Amino acid sequence: MYMDFVSIFSIPLGTFGTTEIVVIVILALLLFGGKKIPELMKGLGTGLKEFKKASEDEKDSESEVKKEKK
């Protein structure tokens, strides 16, 4: 019974069709405008790059600590 309830009301991820993507793009254009979207994407890209760099630095420092403990 519980599984039926969950499967009926859950939102499956990864099933975006063409119509949904077009609606999202139109809403983004209406909300932010054509000039602001490239600035937002640039900021998002910069943030992702900094996050990757920080996570790689964290991995490197963890491996150095493990080496020192041995």
PDB file of N, CA and C in Angstrom:
ATOM      1  N   MET A   1       0.817  -1.189   0.000  1.00  0.00           N
ATOM      2  CA  MET A   1       0.000   0.000   0.000  1.00  0.00           C
ATOM      3  C   MET A   1       0.865   1.259   0.000  1.00  0.00           C
ATOM      4  N   TYR A   2       1.900   1.268   0.834  1.00  0.00           N
ATOM      5  CA  TYR A   2       2.772   2.440   0.922  1.00  0.00           C
ATOM      6  C   TYR A   2       3.499   2.683  -0.394  1.00  0.00           C
ATOM      7  N   MET A   3       3.964   1.635  -1.033  1.00  0.00           N
ATOM      8  CA  MET A   3       4.687   1.782  -2.295  1.00  0.00           C
ATOM      9  C   MET A   3       3.796   2.376  -3.385  1.00  0.00           C
ATOM     10  N   ASP A   4       2.526   1.990  -3.408  1.00  0.00           N
ATOM     11  CA  ASP A   4       1.617   2.538  -4.401  1.00  0.00           C
ATOM     12  C   ASP A   4       1.432   4.041  -4.198  1.00  0.00           C
ATOM     13  N   PHE A   5       1.288   4.452  -2.952  1.00  0.00           N
ATOM     14  CA  PHE A   5       1.119   5.869  -2.636  1.00  0.00           C
ATOM     15  C   PHE A   5       2.353   6.668  -3.057  1.00  0.00           C
ATOM     16  N   VAL A   6       3.532   6.137  -2.749  1.00  0.00           N
ATOM     17  CA  VAL A   6       4.774   6.822  -3.093  1.00  0.00           C
ATOM     18  C   VAL A   6       4.951   6.887  -4.600  1.00  0.00           C
ATOM     19  N   SER A   7       4.675   5.816  -5.307  1.00  0.00           N
ATOM     20  CA  SER A   7       4.890   5.808  -6.751  1.00  0.00           C
ATOM     21  C   SER A   7       3.898   6.708  -7.474  1.00  0.00           C
ATOM     22  N   ILE A   8       2.696   6.867  -6.930  1.00  0.00           N
ATOM     23  CA  ILE A   8       1.705   7.724  -7.582  1.00  0.00           C
ATOM     24  C   ILE A   8       2.065   9.197  -7.428  1.00  0.00           C
ATOM     25  N   PHE A   9       2.501   9.597  -6.235  1.00  0.00           N
ATOM     26  CA  PHE A   9       2.712  11.016  -5.959  1.00  0.00           C
ATOM     27  C   PHE A   9       4.168  11.462  -6.051  1.00  0.00           C
ATOM     28  N   SER A  10       5.092  10.581  -6.331  1.00  0.00           N
ATOM     29  CA  SER A  10       6.488  10.993  -6.451  1.00  0.00           C
ATOM     30  C   SER A  10       6.728  11.601  -7.826  1.00  0.00           C
ATOM     31  N   ILE A  11       7.680  12.490  -7.883  1.00  0.00           N
ATOM     32  CA  ILE A  11       8.032  13.137  -9.145  1.00  0.00           C
ATOM     33  C   ILE A  11       9.287  12.451  -9.676  1.00  0.00           C
ATOM     34  N   PRO A  12       9.189  11.772 -10.794  1.00  0.00           N
ATOM     35  CA  PRO A  12      10.373  11.106 -11.329  1.00  0.00           C
ATOM     36  C   PRO A  12      11.396  12.138 -11.825  1.00  0.00           C
ATOM     37  N   LEU A  13      12.622  11.960 -11.428  1.00  0.00           N
ATOM     38  CA  LEU A  13      13.680  12.883 -11.840  1.00  0.00           C
ATOM     39  C   LEU A  13      14.270  12.442 -13.167  1.00  0.00           C
ATOM     40  N   GLY A  14      14.670  13.403 -13.961  1.00  0.00           N
ATOM     41  CA  GLY A  14      15.305  13.084 -15.225  1.00  0.00           C
ATOM     42  C   GLY A  14      14.342  12.831 -16.355  1.00  0.00           C
ATOM     43  N   THR A  15      13.092  13.220 -16.226  1.00  0.00           N
ATOM     44  CA  THR A  15      12.124  12.988 -17.293  1.00  0.00           C
ATOM     45  C   THR A  15      11.647  14.303 -17.897  1.00  0.00           C
ATOM     46  N   PHE A  16      12.536  15.244 -18.038  1.00  0.00           N
ATOM     47  CA  PHE A  16      12.172  16.515 -18.644  1.00  0.00           C
ATOM     48  C   PHE A  16      12.082  16.337 -20.153  1.00  0.00           C
ATOM     49  N   GLY A  17      10.954  16.732 -20.708  1.00  0.00           N
ATOM     50  CA  GLY A  17      10.770  16.672 -22.148  1.00  0.00           C
ATOM     51  C   GLY A  17      11.083  18.025 -22.761  1.00  0.00           C
ATOM     52  N   THR A  18      10.911  18.097 -24.058  1.00  0.00           N
ATOM     53  CA  THR A  18      11.179  19.330 -24.792  1.00  0.00           C
ATOM     54  C   THR A  18      10.274  20.464 -24.317  1.00  0.00           C
ATOM     55  N   THR A  19       9.023  20.165 -24.072  1.00  0.00           N
ATOM     56  CA  THR A  19       8.073  21.195 -23.649  1.00  0.00           C
ATOM     57  C   THR A  19       8.477  21.793 -22.309  1.00  0.00           C
ATOM     58  N   GLU A  20       8.880  20.955 -21.361  1.00  0.00           N
ATOM     59  CA  GLU A  20       9.269  21.455 -20.051  1.00  0.00           C
ATOM     60  C   GLU A  20      10.505  22.342 -20.140  1.00  0.00           C
ATOM     61  N   ILE A  21      11.460  21.938 -20.954  1.00  0.00           N
ATOM     62  CA  ILE A  21      12.689  22.722 -21.099  1.00  0.00           C
ATOM     63  C   ILE A  21      12.379  24.076 -21.736  1.00  0.00           C
ATOM     64  N   VAL A  22      11.519  24.093 -22.749  1.00  0.00           N
ATOM     65  CA  VAL A  22      11.143  25.349 -23.399  1.00  0.00           C
ATOM     66  C   VAL A  22      10.443  26.271 -22.409  1.00  0.00           C
ATOM     67  N   VAL A  23       9.557  25.737 -21.591  1.00  0.00           N
ATOM     68  CA  VAL A  23       8.853  26.547 -20.595  1.00  0.00           C
ATOM     69  C   VAL A  23       9.837  27.123 -19.585  1.00  0.00           C
ATOM     70  N   ILE A  24      10.795  26.336 -19.133  1.00  0.00           N
ATOM     71  CA  ILE A  24      11.797  26.818 -18.176  1.00  0.00           C
ATOM     72  C   ILE A  24      12.639  27.931 -18.787  1.00  0.00           C
ATOM     73  N   VAL A  25      13.046  27.772 -20.043  1.00  0.00           N
ATOM     74  CA  VAL A  25      13.848  28.802 -20.712  1.00  0.00           C
ATOM     75  C   VAL A  25      13.048  30.094 -20.866  1.00  0.00           C
ATOM     76  N   ILE A  26      11.795  29.986 -21.250  1.00  0.00           N
ATOM     77  CA  ILE A  26      10.952  31.183 -21.410  1.00  0.00           C
ATOM     78  C   ILE A  26      10.770  31.884 -20.063  1.00  0.00           C
ATOM     79  N   LEU A  27      10.524  31.117 -19.008  1.00  0.00           N
ATOM     80  CA  LEU A  27      10.383  31.721 -17.684  1.00  0.00           C
ATOM     81  C   LEU A  27      11.673  32.411 -17.243  1.00  0.00           C
ATOM     82  N   ALA A  28      12.813  31.790 -17.524  1.00  0.00           N
ATOM     83  CA  ALA A  28      14.088  32.407 -17.162  1.00  0.00           C
ATOM     84  C   ALA A  28      14.296  33.713 -17.918  1.00  0.00           C
ATOM     85  N   LEU A  29      13.949  33.730 -19.203  1.00  0.00           N
ATOM     86  CA  LEU A  29      14.069  34.970 -19.979  1.00  0.00           C
ATOM     87  C   LEU A  29      13.149  36.055 -19.440  1.00  0.00           C
ATOM     88  N   LEU A  30      11.943  35.685 -19.067  1.00  0.00           N
ATOM     89  CA  LEU A  30      11.007  36.668 -18.530  1.00  0.00           C
ATOM     90  C   LEU A  30      11.460  37.197 -17.176  1.00  0.00           C
ATOM     91  N   LEU A  31      11.994  36.324 -16.343  1.00  0.00           N
ATOM     92  CA  LEU A  31      12.401  36.741 -15.000  1.00  0.00           C
ATOM     93  C   LEU A  31      13.682  37.567 -14.999  1.00  0.00           C
ATOM     94  N   PHE A  32      14.673  37.144 -15.767  1.00  0.00           N
ATOM     95  CA  PHE A  32      15.992  37.760 -15.683  1.00  0.00           C
ATOM     96  C   PHE A  32      16.326  38.661 -16.864  1.00  0.00           C
ATOM     97  N   GLY A  33      15.729  38.460 -17.992  1.00  0.00           N
ATOM     98  CA  GLY A  33      16.044  39.258 -19.170  1.00  0.00           C
ATOM     99  C   GLY A  33      17.238  38.695 -19.920  1.00  0.00           C
ATOM    100  N   GLY A  34      17.346  39.071 -21.177  1.00  0.00           N
ATOM    101  CA  GLY A  34      18.398  38.534 -22.039  1.00  0.00           C
ATOM    102  C   GLY A  34      19.798  38.984 -21.670  1.00  0.00           C
ATOM    103  N   LYS A  35      19.940  40.146 -21.055  1.00  0.00           N
ATOM    104  CA  LYS A  35      21.275  40.649 -20.710  1.00  0.00           C
ATOM    105  C   LYS A  35      21.800  40.036 -19.424  1.00  0.00           C
ATOM    106  N   LYS A  36      20.922  39.671 -18.521  1.00  0.00           N
ATOM    107  CA  LYS A  36      21.349  39.194 -17.207  1.00  0.00           C
ATOM    108  C   LYS A  36      21.717  37.709 -17.205  1.00  0.00           C
ATOM    109  N   ILE A  37      21.149  36.926 -18.108  1.00  0.00           N
ATOM    110  CA  ILE A  37      21.377  35.477 -18.112  1.00  0.00           C
ATOM    111  C   ILE A  37      22.845  35.118 -18.368  1.00  0.00           C
ATOM    112  N   PRO A  38      23.541  35.742 -19.341  1.00  0.00           N
ATOM    113  CA  PRO A  38      24.964  35.403 -19.496  1.00  0.00           C
ATOM    114  C   PRO A  38      25.801  35.730 -18.256  1.00  0.00           C
ATOM    115  N   GLU A  39      25.450  36.811 -17.560  1.00  0.00           N
ATOM    116  CA  GLU A  39      26.164  37.151 -16.331  1.00  0.00           C
ATOM    117  C   GLU A  39      25.923  36.088 -15.261  1.00  0.00           C
ATOM    118  N   LEU A  40      24.685  35.605 -15.154  1.00  0.00           N
ATOM    119  CA  LEU A  40      24.370  34.559 -14.187  1.00  0.00           C
ATOM    120  C   LEU A  40      25.108  33.267 -14.510  1.00  0.00           C
ATOM    121  N   MET A  41      25.166  32.908 -15.785  1.00  0.00           N
ATOM    122  CA  MET A  41      25.863  31.680 -16.182  1.00  0.00           C
ATOM    123  C   MET A  41      27.364  31.786 -15.934  1.00  0.00           C
ATOM    124  N   LYS A  42      27.930  32.974 -16.177  1.00  0.00           N
ATOM    125  CA  LYS A  42      29.356  33.179 -15.919  1.00  0.00           C
ATOM    126  C   LYS A  42      29.643  33.028 -14.433  1.00  0.00           C
ATOM    127  N   GLY A  43      28.789  33.605 -13.603  1.00  0.00           N
ATOM    128  CA  GLY A  43      28.950  33.475 -12.161  1.00  0.00           C
ATOM    129  C   GLY A  43      28.808  32.039 -11.697  1.00  0.00           C
ATOM    130  N   LEU A  44      27.861  31.308 -12.291  1.00  0.00           N
ATOM    131  CA  LEU A  44      27.672  29.905 -11.953  1.00  0.00           C
ATOM    132  C   LEU A  44      28.907  29.091 -12.341  1.00  0.00           C
ATOM    133  N   GLY A  45      29.450  29.357 -13.521  1.00  0.00           N
ATOM    134  CA  GLY A  45      30.654  28.645 -13.963  1.00  0.00           C
ATOM    135  C   GLY A  45      31.846  28.925 -13.072  1.00  0.00           C
ATOM    136  N   THR A  46      32.001  30.180 -12.669  1.00  0.00           N
ATOM    137  CA  THR A  46      33.102  30.549 -11.774  1.00  0.00           C
ATOM    138  C   THR A  46      32.944  29.856 -10.424  1.00  0.00           C
ATOM    139  N   GLY A  47      31.722  29.838  -9.919  1.00  0.00           N
ATOM    140  CA  GLY A  47      31.473  29.176  -8.638  1.00  0.00           C
ATOM    141  C   GLY A  47      31.763  27.690  -8.691  1.00  0.00           C
ATOM    142  N   LEU A  48      31.361  27.030  -9.783  1.00  0.00           N
ATOM    143  CA  LEU A  48      31.633  25.601  -9.927  1.00  0.00           C
ATOM    144  C   LEU A  48      33.132  25.325 -10.024  1.00  0.00           C
ATOM    145  N   LYS A  49      33.845  26.188 -10.739  1.00  0.00           N
ATOM    146  CA  LYS A  49      35.290  26.005 -10.870  1.00  0.00           C
ATOM    147  C   LYS A  49      35.983  26.153  -9.515  1.00  0.00           C
ATOM    148  N   GLU A  50      35.565  27.149  -8.732  1.00  0.00           N
ATOM    149  CA  GLU A  50      36.151  27.336  -7.405  1.00  0.00           C
ATOM    150  C   GLU A  50      35.807  26.167  -6.489  1.00  0.00           C
ATOM    151  N   PHE A  51      34.589  25.646  -6.604  1.00  0.00           N
ATOM    152  CA  PHE A  51      34.195  24.508  -5.781  1.00  0.00           C
ATOM    153  C   PHE A  51      35.040  23.282  -6.108  1.00  0.00           C
ATOM    154  N   LYS A  52      35.243  23.013  -7.404  1.00  0.00           N
ATOM    155  CA  LYS A  52      36.071  21.871  -7.805  1.00  0.00           C
ATOM    156  C   LYS A  52      37.499  22.031  -7.286  1.00  0.00           C
ATOM    157  N   LYS A  53      38.036  23.237  -7.405  1.00  0.00           N
ATOM    158  CA  LYS A  53      39.399  23.491  -6.948  1.00  0.00           C
ATOM    159  C   LYS A  53      39.500  23.273  -5.438  1.00  0.00           C
ATOM    160  N   ALA A  54      38.521  23.769  -4.695  1.00  0.00           N
ATOM    161  CA  ALA A  54      38.544  23.609  -3.240  1.00  0.00           C
ATOM    162  C   ALA A  54      38.403  22.148  -2.840  1.00  0.00           C
ATOM    163  N   SER A  55      37.558  21.392  -3.541  1.00  0.00           N
ATOM    164  CA  SER A  55      37.395  19.978  -3.198  1.00  0.00           C
ATOM    165  C   SER A  55      38.653  19.188  -3.544  1.00  0.00           C
ATOM    166  N   GLU A  56      39.333  19.541  -4.632  1.00  0.00           N
ATOM    167  CA  GLU A  56      40.589  18.865  -4.969  1.00  0.00           C
ATOM    168  C   GLU A  56      41.673  19.204  -3.952  1.00  0.00           C
ATOM    169  N   ASP A  57      41.717  20.464  -3.507  1.00  0.00           N
ATOM    170  CA  ASP A  57      42.687  20.849  -2.478  1.00  0.00           C
ATOM    171  C   ASP A  57      42.417  20.105  -1.179  1.00  0.00           C
ATOM    172  N   GLU A  58      41.136  19.913  -0.851  1.00  0.00           N
ATOM    173  CA  GLU A  58      40.766  19.184   0.361  1.00  0.00           C
ATOM    174  C   GLU A  58      41.202  17.726   0.265  1.00  0.00           C
ATOM    175  N   LYS A  59      41.027  17.116  -0.909  1.00  0.00           N
ATOM    176  CA  LYS A  59      41.459  15.731  -1.101  1.00  0.00           C
ATOM    177  C   LYS A  59      42.971  15.615  -0.944  1.00  0.00           C
ATOM    178  N   ASP A  60      43.691  16.591  -1.520  1.00  0.00           N
ATOM    179  CA  ASP A  60      45.147  16.566  -1.423  1.00  0.00           C
ATOM    180  C   ASP A  60      45.600  16.709   0.023  1.00  0.00           C
ATOM    181  N   SER A  61      44.972  17.607   0.772  1.00  0.00           N
ATOM    182  CA  SER A  61      45.378  17.794   2.161  1.00  0.00           C
ATOM    183  C   SER A  61      45.027  16.578   3.004  1.00  0.00           C
ATOM    184  N   GLU A  62      43.907  15.894   2.711  1.00  0.00           N
ATOM    185  CA  GLU A  62      43.551  14.678   3.441  1.00  0.00           C
ATOM    186  C   GLU A  62      44.557  13.571   3.161  1.00  0.00           C
ATOM    187  N   SER A  63      45.012  13.448   1.925  1.00  0.00           N
ATOM    188  CA  SER A  63      45.984  12.406   1.607  1.00  0.00           C
ATOM    189  C   SER A  63      47.328  12.689   2.262  1.00  0.00           C
ATOM    190  N   GLU A  64      47.692  13.966   2.384  1.00  0.00           N
ATOM    191  CA  GLU A  64      48.942  14.328   3.061  1.00  0.00           C
ATOM    192  C   GLU A  64      48.862  14.009   4.554  1.00  0.00           C
ATOM    193  N   VAL A  65      47.697  14.244   5.164  1.00  0.00           N
ATOM    194  CA  VAL A  65      47.526  13.940   6.575  1.00  0.00           C
ATOM    195  C   VAL A  65      47.625  12.441   6.801  1.00  0.00           C
ATOM    196  N   LYS A  66      47.034  11.640   5.916  1.00  0.00           N
ATOM    197  CA  LYS A  66      47.103  10.190   6.041  1.00  0.00           C
ATOM    198  C   LYS A  66      48.541   9.699   5.914  1.00  0.00           C
ATOM    199  N   LYS A  67      49.315  10.312   5.008  1.00  0.00           N
ATOM    200  CA  LYS A  67      50.710   9.932   4.833  1.00  0.00           C
ATOM    201  C   LYS A  67      51.526  10.268   6.082  1.00  0.00           C
ATOM    202  N   GLU A  68      51.227  11.423   6.703  1.00  0.00           N
ATOM    203  CA  GLU A  68      51.957  11.830   7.889  1.00  0.00           C
ATOM    204  C   GLU A  68      51.664  10.922   9.082  1.00  0.00           C
ATOM    205  N   LYS A  69      50.447  10.409   9.173  1.00  0.00           N
ATOM    206  CA  LYS A  69      50.064   9.548  10.278  1.00  0.00           C
ATOM    207  C   LYS A  69      50.747   8.190  10.190  1.00  0.00           C
ATOM    208  N   LYS A  70      51.072   7.750   8.982  1.00  0.00           N
ATOM    209  CA  LYS A  70      51.720   6.444   8.811  1.00  0.00           C
ATOM    210  C   LYS A  70      53.137   6.549   9.175  1.00  0.00           C
TER     211      LYS A  70
END
